[in-house]
Amino acid sequence: MNFYGLGYWELMDTPIAAFWLMLRNIDRLKAEADLRRLENTVMATAGAKEALTDYQKRLSAEIGLVALETPKLDREGLHALKALTKAE
């Protein structure tokens, strides 16, 4: 099952029902990727500006918001951890 990145022994340990389920899904997953490539190609070559903008918004929504804010250093927590290491 090279598609899933499974080695021989991992494949042999896979339950038979899961094996057949994974095997049936390979074509479906490949078709989904092919459809995305086709849509990207069509939008890049013949897409109207408005359609291209809508497509970009839809893809951005699929990606979602990765980070809301940068993490801040908790100095009190850091000092508490340092105090714990000094106590030992």
C-alpha atoms as a PDB file:
ATOM      1  CA  MET A   1       0.000   0.000   0.000  1.00  0.00           C
ATOM      2  CA  ASN A   2       2.523   2.509  -1.180  1.00  0.00           C
ATOM      3  CA  PHE A   3      -0.278   5.090  -1.515  1.00  0.00           C
ATOM      4  CA  TYR A   4      -0.649   5.195   2.271  1.00  0.00           C
ATOM      5  CA  GLY A   5       3.072   4.866   2.989  1.00  0.00           C
ATOM      6  CA  LEU A   6       2.707   1.464   4.634  1.00  0.00           C
ATOM      7  CA  GLY A   7       5.558  -0.999   4.675  1.00  0.00           C
ATOM      8  CA  TYR A   8       5.168  -4.733   4.142  1.00  0.00           C
ATOM      9  CA  TRP A   9       4.869  -5.665   7.814  1.00  0.00           C
ATOM     10  CA  GLU A  10       2.524  -2.783   8.598  1.00  0.00           C
ATOM     11  CA  LEU A  11       0.338  -3.953   5.737  1.00  0.00           C
ATOM     12  CA  MET A  12       0.397  -7.525   7.030  1.00  0.00           C
ATOM     13  CA  ASP A  13      -0.734  -6.279  10.479  1.00  0.00           C
ATOM     14  CA  THR A  14      -3.689  -4.369   8.984  1.00  0.00           C
ATOM     15  CA  PRO A  15      -7.059  -6.020   9.661  1.00  0.00           C
ATOM     16  CA  ILE A  16      -8.581  -7.403   6.455  1.00  0.00           C
ATOM     17  CA  ALA A  17     -11.679  -5.161   6.600  1.00  0.00           C
ATOM     18  CA  ALA A  18      -9.497  -2.075   7.003  1.00  0.00           C
ATOM     19  CA  PHE A  19      -7.297  -3.246   4.125  1.00  0.00           C
ATOM     20  CA  TRP A  20     -10.219  -3.497   1.704  1.00  0.00           C
ATOM     21  CA  LEU A  21     -11.629  -0.168   2.892  1.00  0.00           C
ATOM     22  CA  MET A  22      -8.274   1.526   2.309  1.00  0.00           C
ATOM     23  CA  LEU A  23      -7.920  -0.143  -1.086  1.00  0.00           C
ATOM     24  CA  ARG A  24     -11.353   1.070  -2.213  1.00  0.00           C
ATOM     25  CA  ASN A  25     -10.568   4.612  -1.070  1.00  0.00           C
ATOM     26  CA  ILE A  26      -7.380   4.984  -3.120  1.00  0.00           C
ATOM     27  CA  ASP A  27      -9.244   5.750  -6.359  1.00  0.00           C
ATOM     28  CA  ARG A  28     -11.595   8.124  -4.557  1.00  0.00           C
ATOM     29  CA  LEU A  29      -8.713  10.035  -2.975  1.00  0.00           C
ATOM     30  CA  LYS A  30      -6.801  10.187  -6.253  1.00  0.00           C
ATOM     31  CA  ALA A  31      -9.917  11.460  -8.044  1.00  0.00           C
ATOM     32  CA  GLU A  32     -10.312  14.192  -5.426  1.00  0.00           C
ATOM     33  CA  ALA A  33      -6.701  15.320  -5.986  1.00  0.00           C
ATOM     34  CA  ASP A  34      -7.149  15.171  -9.777  1.00  0.00           C
ATOM     35  CA  LEU A  35     -10.317  17.241  -9.538  1.00  0.00           C
ATOM     36  CA  ARG A  36      -8.493  19.862  -7.472  1.00  0.00           C
ATOM     37  CA  ARG A  37      -5.647  19.994 -10.036  1.00  0.00           C
ATOM     38  CA  LEU A  38      -8.156  20.322 -12.867  1.00  0.00           C
ATOM     39  CA  GLU A  39      -9.966  23.144 -11.088  1.00  0.00           C
ATOM     40  CA  ASN A  40      -6.652  24.905 -10.404  1.00  0.00           C
ATOM     41  CA  THR A  41      -5.642  24.599 -14.051  1.00  0.00           C
ATOM     42  CA  VAL A  42      -8.971  25.888 -15.356  1.00  0.00           C
ATOM     43  CA  MET A  43      -8.975  28.829 -12.968  1.00  0.00           C
ATOM     44  CA  ALA A  44      -5.377  29.736 -13.793  1.00  0.00           C
ATOM     45  CA  THR A  45      -5.821  29.591 -17.557  1.00  0.00           C
ATOM     46  CA  ALA A  46      -9.356  30.708 -18.315  1.00  0.00           C
ATOM     47  CA  GLY A  47     -10.843  32.005 -15.091  1.00  0.00           C
ATOM     48  CA  ALA A  48     -12.531  35.390 -14.986  1.00  0.00           C
ATOM     49  CA  LYS A  49     -11.161  37.760 -12.379  1.00  0.00           C
ATOM     50  CA  GLU A  50     -14.292  37.549 -10.200  1.00  0.00           C
ATOM     51  CA  ALA A  51     -14.385  33.726 -10.377  1.00  0.00           C
ATOM     52  CA  LEU A  52     -10.682  33.591  -9.570  1.00  0.00           C
ATOM     53  CA  THR A  53     -11.193  35.816  -6.512  1.00  0.00           C
ATOM     54  CA  ASP A  54     -14.100  33.641  -5.301  1.00  0.00           C
ATOM     55  CA  TYR A  55     -11.997  30.505  -5.790  1.00  0.00           C
ATOM     56  CA  GLN A  56      -9.126  32.018  -3.835  1.00  0.00           C
ATOM     57  CA  LYS A  57     -11.499  32.929  -0.967  1.00  0.00           C
ATOM     58  CA  ARG A  58     -12.919  29.397  -0.921  1.00  0.00           C
ATOM     59  CA  LEU A  59      -9.450  27.834  -0.768  1.00  0.00           C
ATOM     60  CA  SER A  60      -8.424  30.255   1.977  1.00  0.00           C
ATOM     61  CA  ALA A  61     -11.522  29.259   3.943  1.00  0.00           C
ATOM     62  CA  GLU A  62     -10.571  25.580   3.553  1.00  0.00           C
ATOM     63  CA  ILE A  63      -7.104  26.308   4.898  1.00  0.00           C
ATOM     64  CA  GLY A  64      -8.563  28.232   7.803  1.00  0.00           C
ATOM     65  CA  LEU A  65      -6.815  30.523  10.203  1.00  0.00           C
ATOM     66  CA  VAL A  66      -3.496  29.010  11.179  1.00  0.00           C
ATOM     67  CA  ALA A  67      -2.512  31.258  14.079  1.00  0.00           C
ATOM     68  CA  LEU A  68      -4.507  33.874  15.930  1.00  0.00           C
ATOM     69  CA  GLU A  69      -1.680  35.569  17.746  1.00  0.00           C
ATOM     70  CA  THR A  70       1.929  35.113  18.649  1.00  0.00           C
ATOM     71  CA  PRO A  71       2.444  33.366  21.965  1.00  0.00           C
ATOM     72  CA  LYS A  72       3.565  35.532  24.856  1.00  0.00           C
ATOM     73  CA  LEU A  73       6.207  34.503  27.342  1.00  0.00           C
ATOM     74  CA  ASP A  74       4.752  33.601  30.729  1.00  0.00           C
ATOM     75  CA  ARG A  75       7.458  35.017  32.972  1.00  0.00           C
ATOM     76  CA  GLU A  76       5.747  33.971  36.214  1.00  0.00           C
ATOM     77  CA  GLY A  77       5.503  30.397  35.000  1.00  0.00           C
ATOM     78  CA  LEU A  78       9.127  30.479  33.872  1.00  0.00           C
ATOM     79  CA  HIS A  79      10.272  31.699  37.291  1.00  0.00           C
ATOM     80  CA  ALA A  80       8.170  28.988  38.970  1.00  0.00           C
ATOM     81  CA  LEU A  81       9.853  26.316  36.827  1.00  0.00           C
ATOM     82  CA  LYS A  82      13.294  27.706  37.574  1.00  0.00           C
ATOM     83  CA  ALA A  83      12.461  27.679  41.291  1.00  0.00           C
ATOM     84  CA  LEU A  84      11.525  24.003  41.039  1.00  0.00           C
ATOM     85  CA  THR A  85      14.872  23.102  39.493  1.00  0.00           C
ATOM     86  CA  LYS A  86      16.773  25.033  42.179  1.00  0.00           C
ATOM     87  CA  ALA A  87      14.889  23.243  44.942  1.00  0.00           C
ATOM     88  CA  GLU A  88      16.197  19.849  43.809  1.00  0.00           C
END
